[in-house]
């Protein structure tokens, strides 16, 4: 199969980062990467452009790393207090998921836009107590979020109150 070398002008998932020289199938380069502006053919002039692309990439990566470290310090200082409904025996009703944690984290820290998969949670939290959760902000930066989960007993309505609101009056049966 025919392959060609291209220089990536932007990061392409599962292929490479900006300014990388990669070998791809000729059709993929000709039909997708080059027309989409994601890559350039390797020529002497494009090899000269690669230095400019590498400088931009290094600058962008340094800026992203600094922003990630600033966010990590905020998250490391933070401690979230959450409540989880439990029954009389202490068994939890429901759980706290990564989406719940992300929602609370975004509420606590303004201008934070982390994806849901940034919170590393093996399984939803169902136990009360203190937990430490890893938050992957950047490929090189991981913060630790401290969470305190308190058990809140579930408030149950009495049976009479519950039936009073939902019960319909009985129909009278007509005996003919």
N, C-alpha and C. Protein backbone atom coordinates (compact mmCIF):
# COMPACT_ATOMS: atom_id res chain seq x y z
N UNK A 1 0.84 -1.18 0.00
CA UNK A 1 0.00 0.00 0.00
C UNK A 1 0.88 1.23 0.00
N UNK A 2 0.42 2.23 -0.69
CA UNK A 2 1.19 3.46 -0.82
C UNK A 2 1.05 4.30 0.44
N UNK A 3 2.18 4.80 0.91
CA UNK A 3 2.17 5.69 2.07
C UNK A 3 2.86 6.99 1.68
N UNK A 4 2.56 8.00 2.45
CA UNK A 4 3.23 9.28 2.23
C UNK A 4 3.52 9.92 3.58
N UNK A 5 4.51 10.77 3.61
CA UNK A 5 4.87 11.49 4.83
C UNK A 5 4.24 12.86 4.79
N UNK A 6 3.64 13.24 5.93
CA UNK A 6 3.04 14.57 6.03
C UNK A 6 3.48 15.21 7.34
N UNK A 7 3.38 16.54 7.37
CA UNK A 7 3.66 17.30 8.58
C UNK A 7 2.31 17.76 9.11
N UNK A 8 1.99 17.39 10.35
CA UNK A 8 0.71 17.78 10.94
C UNK A 8 0.75 19.26 11.32
N UNK A 9 -0.28 19.99 10.93
CA UNK A 9 -0.37 21.41 11.28
C UNK A 9 -1.22 21.63 12.53
N UNK A 10 -1.89 20.57 12.98
CA UNK A 10 -2.64 20.61 14.23
C UNK A 10 -2.65 19.20 14.81
N UNK A 11 -3.04 19.10 16.05
CA UNK A 11 -3.07 17.80 16.70
C UNK A 11 -4.21 16.95 16.14
N UNK A 12 -3.89 15.73 15.77
CA UNK A 12 -4.89 14.79 15.24
C UNK A 12 -4.91 13.59 16.18
N UNK A 13 -6.06 13.28 16.79
CA UNK A 13 -6.13 12.16 17.72
C UNK A 13 -5.67 10.85 17.08
N UNK A 14 -4.95 10.08 17.84
CA UNK A 14 -4.40 8.77 17.48
C UNK A 14 -3.42 8.82 16.30
N UNK A 15 -2.96 10.02 15.94
CA UNK A 15 -2.00 10.13 14.85
C UNK A 15 -0.76 10.89 15.29
N UNK A 16 -0.95 12.05 15.91
CA UNK A 16 0.20 12.82 16.36
C UNK A 16 -0.18 14.23 16.74
N UNK A 17 0.81 14.97 17.21
CA UNK A 17 0.60 16.35 17.63
C UNK A 17 1.09 17.29 16.54
N UNK A 18 0.82 18.55 16.76
CA UNK A 18 1.23 19.60 15.82
C UNK A 18 2.74 19.54 15.58
N UNK A 19 3.16 19.70 14.33
CA UNK A 19 4.55 19.73 13.88
C UNK A 19 5.22 18.36 13.87
N UNK A 20 4.46 17.29 14.03
CA UNK A 20 5.02 15.94 13.92
C UNK A 20 5.04 15.51 12.45
N UNK A 21 6.07 14.80 12.07
CA UNK A 21 6.13 14.20 10.74
C UNK A 21 5.70 12.75 10.89
N UNK A 22 4.61 12.39 10.20
CA UNK A 22 4.06 11.04 10.33
C UNK A 22 3.87 10.40 8.96
N UNK A 23 3.91 9.07 8.95
CA UNK A 23 3.63 8.32 7.73
C UNK A 23 2.18 7.86 7.80
N UNK A 24 1.43 8.17 6.75
CA UNK A 24 0.03 7.75 6.66
C UNK A 24 -0.21 7.17 5.28
N UNK A 25 -1.34 6.54 5.11
CA UNK A 25 -1.69 6.06 3.78
C UNK A 25 -1.93 7.25 2.87
N UNK A 26 -1.57 7.07 1.62
CA UNK A 26 -1.64 8.18 0.66
C UNK A 26 -3.06 8.71 0.52
N UNK A 27 -4.04 7.83 0.50
CA UNK A 27 -5.43 8.26 0.35
C UNK A 27 -5.91 9.07 1.54
N UNK A 28 -5.51 8.68 2.75
CA UNK A 28 -5.89 9.41 3.96
C UNK A 28 -5.30 10.82 3.92
N UNK A 29 -4.05 10.94 3.49
CA UNK A 29 -3.42 12.25 3.38
C UNK A 29 -4.08 13.08 2.29
N UNK A 30 -4.28 12.48 1.12
CA UNK A 30 -4.81 13.19 -0.04
C UNK A 30 -6.28 13.60 0.14
N UNK A 31 -7.08 12.75 0.77
CA UNK A 31 -8.52 12.99 0.85
C UNK A 31 -8.99 13.65 2.14
N UNK A 32 -8.22 13.51 3.23
CA UNK A 32 -8.70 14.03 4.50
C UNK A 32 -7.76 15.05 5.14
N UNK A 33 -6.52 14.66 5.36
CA UNK A 33 -5.61 15.52 6.12
C UNK A 33 -5.25 16.81 5.38
N UNK A 34 -4.80 16.70 4.14
CA UNK A 34 -4.34 17.89 3.40
C UNK A 34 -5.50 18.81 3.04
N UNK A 35 -6.63 18.33 2.49
CA UNK A 35 -7.73 19.26 2.18
C UNK A 35 -8.34 19.90 3.43
N UNK A 36 -8.29 19.20 4.55
CA UNK A 36 -8.83 19.74 5.80
C UNK A 36 -7.90 20.70 6.50
N UNK A 37 -6.72 20.92 5.95
CA UNK A 37 -5.77 21.84 6.57
C UNK A 37 -5.10 21.26 7.80
N UNK A 38 -5.20 19.96 7.98
CA UNK A 38 -4.61 19.32 9.15
C UNK A 38 -3.16 18.90 8.91
N UNK A 39 -2.73 18.89 7.64
CA UNK A 39 -1.37 18.45 7.33
C UNK A 39 -0.87 19.10 6.05
N UNK A 40 0.46 19.08 5.90
CA UNK A 40 1.14 19.54 4.69
C UNK A 40 2.00 18.40 4.17
N UNK A 41 2.18 18.35 2.85
CA UNK A 41 3.10 17.37 2.28
C UNK A 41 4.51 17.73 2.69
N UNK A 42 5.36 16.73 2.85
CA UNK A 42 6.75 16.98 3.21
C UNK A 42 7.50 17.41 1.96
N UNK A 43 7.89 18.68 1.94
CA UNK A 43 8.70 19.25 0.87
C UNK A 43 9.79 20.08 1.53
N UNK A 44 10.80 20.50 0.80
CA UNK A 44 11.84 21.34 1.42
C UNK A 44 11.27 22.63 2.04
N UNK A 45 10.29 23.24 1.39
CA UNK A 45 9.72 24.47 1.96
C UNK A 45 8.89 24.17 3.20
N UNK A 46 8.17 23.05 3.21
CA UNK A 46 7.37 22.73 4.39
C UNK A 46 8.25 22.30 5.56
N UNK A 47 9.42 21.75 5.27
CA UNK A 47 10.35 21.42 6.34
C UNK A 47 10.87 22.67 7.03
N UNK A 48 10.97 23.78 6.29
CA UNK A 48 11.38 25.05 6.90
C UNK A 48 10.25 25.58 7.79
N UNK A 49 9.00 25.33 7.40
CA UNK A 49 7.86 25.80 8.19
C UNK A 49 7.73 25.04 9.51
N UNK A 50 8.30 23.86 9.55
CA UNK A 50 8.15 23.02 10.74
C UNK A 50 8.74 23.68 11.98
N UNK A 51 9.82 24.44 11.83
CA UNK A 51 10.41 25.14 12.97
C UNK A 51 9.45 26.15 13.55
N UNK A 52 8.73 26.86 12.69
CA UNK A 52 7.73 27.82 13.15
C UNK A 52 6.61 27.09 13.90
N UNK A 53 6.17 25.97 13.35
CA UNK A 53 5.11 25.20 14.00
C UNK A 53 5.57 24.66 15.36
N UNK A 54 6.81 24.20 15.44
CA UNK A 54 7.33 23.68 16.70
C UNK A 54 7.40 24.77 17.77
N UNK A 55 7.77 25.99 17.36
CA UNK A 55 7.84 27.10 18.31
C UNK A 55 6.44 27.43 18.84
N UNK A 56 5.45 27.46 17.95
CA UNK A 56 4.08 27.73 18.38
C UNK A 56 3.57 26.63 19.31
N UNK A 57 3.91 25.39 18.98
CA UNK A 57 3.48 24.26 19.80
C UNK A 57 4.09 24.33 21.20
N UNK A 58 5.37 24.64 21.28
CA UNK A 58 6.04 24.73 22.58
C UNK A 58 5.45 25.85 23.42
N UNK A 59 5.15 26.98 22.79
CA UNK A 59 4.55 28.11 23.50
C UNK A 59 3.16 27.75 24.02
N UNK A 60 2.36 27.10 23.18
CA UNK A 60 1.00 26.72 23.57
C UNK A 60 1.03 25.69 24.69
N UNK A 61 1.92 24.70 24.59
CA UNK A 61 2.00 23.67 25.62
C UNK A 61 2.46 24.25 26.95
N UNK A 62 3.39 25.21 26.92
CA UNK A 62 3.84 25.84 28.16
C UNK A 62 2.71 26.63 28.81
N UNK A 63 1.92 27.33 27.99
CA UNK A 63 0.79 28.10 28.51
C UNK A 63 -0.26 27.16 29.12
N UNK A 64 -0.58 26.06 28.42
CA UNK A 64 -1.56 25.11 28.93
C UNK A 64 -1.09 24.46 30.22
N UNK A 65 0.21 24.17 30.32
CA UNK A 65 0.76 23.57 31.52
C UNK A 65 0.66 24.52 32.71
N UNK A 66 0.96 25.81 32.49
CA UNK A 66 0.85 26.80 33.55
C UNK A 66 -0.59 26.95 34.02
N UNK A 67 -1.54 26.98 33.08
CA UNK A 67 -2.95 27.07 33.44
C UNK A 67 -3.39 25.84 34.23
N UNK A 68 -2.93 24.67 33.82
CA UNK A 68 -3.30 23.43 34.50
C UNK A 68 -2.74 23.40 35.92
N UNK A 69 -1.52 23.89 36.10
CA UNK A 69 -0.93 23.92 37.44
C UNK A 69 -1.67 24.89 38.35
N UNK A 70 -2.12 26.02 37.79
CA UNK A 70 -2.89 26.98 38.59
C UNK A 70 -4.22 26.36 39.03
N UNK A 71 -4.88 25.65 38.13
CA UNK A 71 -6.14 24.99 38.48
C UNK A 71 -5.89 23.89 39.51
N UNK A 72 -4.78 23.18 39.38
CA UNK A 72 -4.46 22.09 40.31
C UNK A 72 -4.26 22.62 41.73
N UNK A 73 -3.63 23.78 41.87
CA UNK A 73 -3.44 24.34 43.22
C UNK A 73 -4.78 24.71 43.83
N UNK A 74 -5.71 25.23 43.02
CA UNK A 74 -7.05 25.55 43.53
C UNK A 74 -7.78 24.29 43.98
N UNK A 75 -7.69 23.23 43.18
CA UNK A 75 -8.38 21.98 43.51
C UNK A 75 -7.75 21.32 44.73
N UNK A 76 -6.43 21.37 44.85
CA UNK A 76 -5.76 20.77 46.01
C UNK A 76 -6.16 21.45 47.31
N UNK A 77 -6.47 22.74 47.28
CA UNK A 77 -6.87 23.47 48.48
C UNK A 77 -8.34 23.24 48.83
N UNK A 78 -9.10 22.77 47.87
CA UNK A 78 -10.55 22.65 48.02
C UNK A 78 -10.93 21.38 48.78
N UNK A 79 -12.01 21.48 49.55
CA UNK A 79 -12.59 20.32 50.25
C UNK A 79 -14.10 20.41 50.09
N UNK A 80 -14.67 19.42 49.44
CA UNK A 80 -16.11 19.40 49.20
C UNK A 80 -16.81 18.58 50.27
N UNK A 81 -17.95 19.10 50.74
CA UNK A 81 -18.78 18.38 51.69
C UNK A 81 -20.07 18.00 50.98
N UNK A 82 -20.32 16.71 50.90
CA UNK A 82 -21.50 16.20 50.21
C UNK A 82 -22.33 15.37 51.17
N UNK A 83 -23.63 15.26 50.87
CA UNK A 83 -24.52 14.43 51.69
C UNK A 83 -25.07 13.32 50.82
N UNK A 84 -25.17 12.16 51.43
CA UNK A 84 -25.69 10.98 50.75
C UNK A 84 -26.82 10.42 51.60
N UNK A 85 -28.00 10.27 51.01
CA UNK A 85 -29.14 9.76 51.76
C UNK A 85 -28.93 8.30 52.13
N UNK A 86 -29.22 8.00 53.39
CA UNK A 86 -29.09 6.62 53.87
C UNK A 86 -30.36 6.21 54.59
N UNK A 87 -30.57 4.93 54.68
CA UNK A 87 -31.72 4.41 55.40
C UNK A 87 -31.40 4.23 56.87
N UNK A 88 -32.32 3.60 57.59
CA UNK A 88 -32.13 3.39 59.03
C UNK A 88 -30.93 2.49 59.31
N UNK A 89 -30.67 1.57 58.42
CA UNK A 89 -29.56 0.63 58.62
C UNK A 89 -28.21 1.22 58.19
N UNK A 90 -28.22 2.39 57.58
CA UNK A 90 -26.98 3.02 57.12
C UNK A 90 -26.67 2.72 55.68
N UNK A 91 -27.52 1.96 55.01
CA UNK A 91 -27.30 1.63 53.60
C UNK A 91 -27.65 2.84 52.74
N UNK A 92 -26.79 3.13 51.77
CA UNK A 92 -26.95 4.33 50.93
C UNK A 92 -28.04 4.12 49.88
N UNK A 93 -28.81 5.19 49.66
CA UNK A 93 -29.77 5.23 48.56
C UNK A 93 -29.11 6.03 47.45
N UNK A 94 -28.66 5.37 46.39
CA UNK A 94 -27.99 6.07 45.31
C UNK A 94 -26.50 6.14 45.56
N UNK A 95 -25.83 7.00 44.80
CA UNK A 95 -24.38 7.13 44.92
C UNK A 95 -23.96 8.50 44.39
N UNK A 96 -22.70 8.80 44.58
CA UNK A 96 -22.12 10.04 44.07
C UNK A 96 -21.22 9.66 42.90
N UNK A 97 -21.53 10.19 41.72
CA UNK A 97 -20.81 9.82 40.50
C UNK A 97 -19.82 10.91 40.11
N UNK A 98 -19.04 10.63 39.07
CA UNK A 98 -18.09 11.61 38.56
C UNK A 98 -18.82 12.85 38.05
N UNK A 99 -20.00 12.67 37.45
CA UNK A 99 -20.77 13.82 36.97
C UNK A 99 -21.21 14.70 38.13
N UNK A 100 -21.62 14.10 39.26
CA UNK A 100 -22.00 14.87 40.44
C UNK A 100 -20.81 15.67 40.97
N UNK A 101 -19.66 15.01 41.04
CA UNK A 101 -18.46 15.69 41.54
C UNK A 101 -18.05 16.83 40.62
N UNK A 102 -18.14 16.61 39.32
CA UNK A 102 -17.77 17.65 38.36
C UNK A 102 -18.71 18.85 38.47
N UNK A 103 -19.99 18.59 38.67
CA UNK A 103 -20.96 19.67 38.82
C UNK A 103 -20.64 20.52 40.05
N UNK A 104 -20.33 19.88 41.18
CA UNK A 104 -19.98 20.62 42.39
C UNK A 104 -18.66 21.35 42.23
N UNK A 105 -17.71 20.73 41.55
CA UNK A 105 -16.40 21.34 41.33
C UNK A 105 -16.53 22.59 40.46
N UNK A 106 -17.35 22.52 39.42
CA UNK A 106 -17.58 23.68 38.56
C UNK A 106 -18.31 24.78 39.31
N UNK A 107 -19.17 24.42 40.26
CA UNK A 107 -19.87 25.43 41.06
C UNK A 107 -18.91 26.12 42.04
N UNK A 108 -17.94 25.38 42.56
CA UNK A 108 -16.99 25.94 43.52
C UNK A 108 -15.92 26.81 42.86
N UNK A 109 -15.42 26.37 41.71
CA UNK A 109 -14.36 27.10 41.02
C UNK A 109 -14.94 27.69 39.74
N UNK A 110 -14.99 28.98 39.67
CA UNK A 110 -15.53 29.66 38.48
C UNK A 110 -14.56 29.52 37.31
N UNK A 111 -15.07 29.58 36.12
CA UNK A 111 -14.30 29.49 34.88
C UNK A 111 -13.52 28.18 34.76
N UNK A 112 -14.08 27.12 35.29
CA UNK A 112 -13.46 25.81 35.18
C UNK A 112 -14.27 24.98 34.19
N UNK A 113 -13.61 24.47 33.19
CA UNK A 113 -14.30 23.68 32.16
C UNK A 113 -13.56 22.36 31.96
N UNK A 114 -13.74 21.46 32.91
CA UNK A 114 -13.11 20.15 32.81
C UNK A 114 -14.09 19.16 32.19
N UNK A 115 -13.61 18.24 31.38
CA UNK A 115 -14.49 17.19 30.87
C UNK A 115 -14.79 16.17 31.98
N UNK A 116 -15.87 15.42 31.82
CA UNK A 116 -16.30 14.46 32.85
C UNK A 116 -15.24 13.39 33.10
N UNK A 117 -14.53 12.98 32.07
CA UNK A 117 -13.53 11.93 32.25
C UNK A 117 -12.27 12.41 32.96
N UNK A 118 -12.20 13.70 33.31
CA UNK A 118 -11.05 14.21 34.04
C UNK A 118 -11.05 13.71 35.48
N UNK A 119 -12.22 13.41 36.01
CA UNK A 119 -12.32 12.90 37.38
C UNK A 119 -12.12 11.38 37.33
N UNK A 120 -11.06 10.92 37.98
CA UNK A 120 -10.71 9.50 37.95
C UNK A 120 -11.42 8.82 39.11
N UNK A 121 -12.48 8.10 38.78
CA UNK A 121 -13.30 7.44 39.79
C UNK A 121 -13.54 6.01 39.33
N UNK A 122 -13.03 5.04 40.09
CA UNK A 122 -13.18 3.64 39.69
C UNK A 122 -14.65 3.22 39.67
N UNK A 123 -15.36 3.62 40.70
CA UNK A 123 -16.78 3.30 40.79
C UNK A 123 -17.45 4.41 41.58
N UNK A 124 -18.76 4.57 41.45
CA UNK A 124 -19.46 5.62 42.20
C UNK A 124 -19.27 5.45 43.71
N UNK A 125 -19.23 6.56 44.42
CA UNK A 125 -19.01 6.54 45.87
C UNK A 125 -20.33 6.26 46.58
N UNK A 126 -20.33 5.24 47.45
CA UNK A 126 -21.53 4.88 48.19
C UNK A 126 -21.30 4.88 49.70
N UNK A 127 -20.07 5.10 50.13
CA UNK A 127 -19.75 5.05 51.54
C UNK A 127 -19.55 6.46 52.07
N UNK A 128 -20.02 6.69 53.29
CA UNK A 128 -19.77 7.99 53.91
C UNK A 128 -18.35 7.99 54.46
N UNK A 129 -17.81 9.18 54.66
CA UNK A 129 -16.45 9.31 55.15
C UNK A 129 -15.64 10.22 54.25
N UNK A 130 -14.33 10.21 54.45
CA UNK A 130 -13.45 11.07 53.66
C UNK A 130 -12.85 10.27 52.51
N UNK A 131 -12.85 10.89 51.34
CA UNK A 131 -12.31 10.26 50.14
C UNK A 131 -11.37 11.24 49.45
N UNK A 132 -10.36 10.71 48.78
CA UNK A 132 -9.47 11.53 47.97
C UNK A 132 -9.59 11.05 46.53
N UNK A 133 -9.95 11.98 45.65
CA UNK A 133 -10.21 11.65 44.25
C UNK A 133 -9.17 12.34 43.38
N UNK A 134 -8.62 11.62 42.42
CA UNK A 134 -7.66 12.20 41.48
C UNK A 134 -8.41 12.91 40.36
N UNK A 135 -7.96 14.12 40.03
CA UNK A 135 -8.53 14.91 38.94
C UNK A 135 -7.41 15.16 37.94
N UNK A 136 -7.52 14.56 36.76
CA UNK A 136 -6.48 14.69 35.73
C UNK A 136 -6.79 15.92 34.89
N UNK A 137 -6.04 16.99 35.12
CA UNK A 137 -6.28 18.26 34.46
C UNK A 137 -5.54 18.34 33.13
N UNK A 138 -4.35 17.80 33.10
CA UNK A 138 -3.46 17.86 31.94
C UNK A 138 -2.72 16.53 31.89
N UNK A 139 -2.09 16.23 30.79
CA UNK A 139 -1.37 14.95 30.72
C UNK A 139 -0.27 14.86 31.76
N UNK A 140 0.26 16.00 32.20
CA UNK A 140 1.34 16.01 33.17
C UNK A 140 0.92 16.50 34.55
N UNK A 141 -0.34 16.94 34.71
CA UNK A 141 -0.78 17.53 35.97
C UNK A 141 -2.02 16.79 36.48
N UNK A 142 -1.91 16.28 37.72
CA UNK A 142 -3.03 15.63 38.37
C UNK A 142 -3.19 16.25 39.75
N UNK A 143 -4.43 16.64 40.08
CA UNK A 143 -4.72 17.23 41.38
C UNK A 143 -5.46 16.21 42.23
N UNK A 144 -5.49 16.45 43.55
CA UNK A 144 -6.21 15.58 44.47
C UNK A 144 -7.34 16.37 45.10
N UNK A 145 -8.55 15.90 44.90
CA UNK A 145 -9.74 16.54 45.45
C UNK A 145 -10.15 15.78 46.71
N UNK A 146 -10.28 16.51 47.82
CA UNK A 146 -10.71 15.90 49.07
C UNK A 146 -12.22 16.06 49.21
N UNK A 147 -12.89 14.96 49.52
CA UNK A 147 -14.34 14.96 49.62
C UNK A 147 -14.73 14.36 50.96
N UNK A 148 -15.65 15.00 51.64
CA UNK A 148 -16.22 14.49 52.88
C UNK A 148 -17.68 14.17 52.61
N UNK A 149 -18.04 12.90 52.73
CA UNK A 149 -19.42 12.48 52.49
C UNK A 149 -20.06 12.18 53.83
N UNK A 150 -21.14 12.91 54.11
CA UNK A 150 -21.88 12.72 55.35
C UNK A 150 -23.16 11.95 55.06
N UNK A 151 -23.51 11.05 55.96
CA UNK A 151 -24.74 10.28 55.81
C UNK A 151 -25.91 11.12 56.30
N UNK A 152 -26.88 11.32 55.44
CA UNK A 152 -28.08 12.07 55.80
C UNK A 152 -29.24 11.09 55.79
N UNK A 153 -29.89 10.88 56.95
CA UNK A 153 -31.00 9.93 56.97
C UNK A 153 -32.13 10.41 56.07
N UNK A 154 -32.71 9.48 55.35
CA UNK A 154 -33.79 9.80 54.43
C UNK A 154 -35.04 10.11 55.23
N UNK A 155 -35.67 11.22 54.92
CA UNK A 155 -36.90 11.61 55.60
C UNK A 155 -38.05 10.92 54.90
N UNK A 156 -38.76 10.09 55.66
CA UNK A 156 -39.87 9.36 55.07
C UNK A 156 -41.18 9.96 55.56
N UNK A 157 -42.13 10.07 54.64
CA UNK A 157 -43.45 10.56 55.01
C UNK A 157 -44.21 9.42 55.66
N UNK A 158 -45.12 9.80 56.53
CA UNK A 158 -45.95 8.75 57.11
C UNK A 158 -46.90 8.23 56.04
N UNK A 159 -47.39 7.05 56.23
CA UNK A 159 -48.23 6.39 55.23
C UNK A 159 -49.52 7.17 55.00
N UNK A 160 -50.07 7.77 56.07
CA UNK A 160 -51.33 8.51 55.93
C UNK A 160 -51.13 9.75 55.06
N UNK A 161 -50.04 10.48 55.25
CA UNK A 161 -49.78 11.68 54.45
C UNK A 161 -49.55 11.31 52.99
N UNK A 162 -48.85 10.21 52.78
CA UNK A 162 -48.54 9.80 51.43
C UNK A 162 -49.81 9.38 50.69
N UNK A 163 -50.68 8.64 51.36
CA UNK A 163 -51.91 8.19 50.72
C UNK A 163 -52.89 9.33 50.52
N UNK A 164 -52.87 10.31 51.40
CA UNK A 164 -53.83 11.41 51.30
C UNK A 164 -53.61 12.21 50.03
N UNK A 165 -52.38 12.37 49.62
CA UNK A 165 -52.10 13.17 48.44
C UNK A 165 -52.27 12.42 47.14
N UNK A 166 -52.16 11.12 47.14
CA UNK A 166 -52.18 10.38 45.89
C UNK A 166 -53.42 9.52 45.69
N UNK A 167 -54.19 9.35 46.72
CA UNK A 167 -55.34 8.45 46.63
C UNK A 167 -56.52 9.14 45.99
N UNK A 168 -57.17 8.45 45.08
CA UNK A 168 -58.37 9.00 44.45
C UNK A 168 -59.59 8.49 45.19
N UNK A 169 -60.65 9.27 45.20
CA UNK A 169 -61.87 8.80 45.88
C UNK A 169 -62.44 7.58 45.16
N UNK A 170 -63.07 6.72 45.95
CA UNK A 170 -63.65 5.51 45.38
C UNK A 170 -64.91 5.83 44.62
N UNK A 171 -65.11 5.09 43.57
CA UNK A 171 -66.35 5.23 42.82
C UNK A 171 -67.44 4.40 43.49
N UNK A 172 -68.59 4.95 43.45
CA UNK A 172 -69.70 4.18 43.97
C UNK A 172 -70.17 3.23 42.89
N UNK A 173 -70.32 2.00 43.26
CA UNK A 173 -70.77 1.05 42.26
C UNK A 173 -72.29 1.13 42.16
N UNK A 174 -72.76 1.18 40.98
CA UNK A 174 -74.21 1.28 40.79
C UNK A 174 -74.77 -0.12 40.64
N UNK A 175 -75.67 -0.42 41.51
CA UNK A 175 -76.29 -1.73 41.45
C UNK A 175 -77.64 -1.58 40.78
N UNK A 176 -77.82 -2.21 39.67
CA UNK A 176 -79.06 -2.06 38.94
C UNK A 176 -79.97 -3.23 39.08
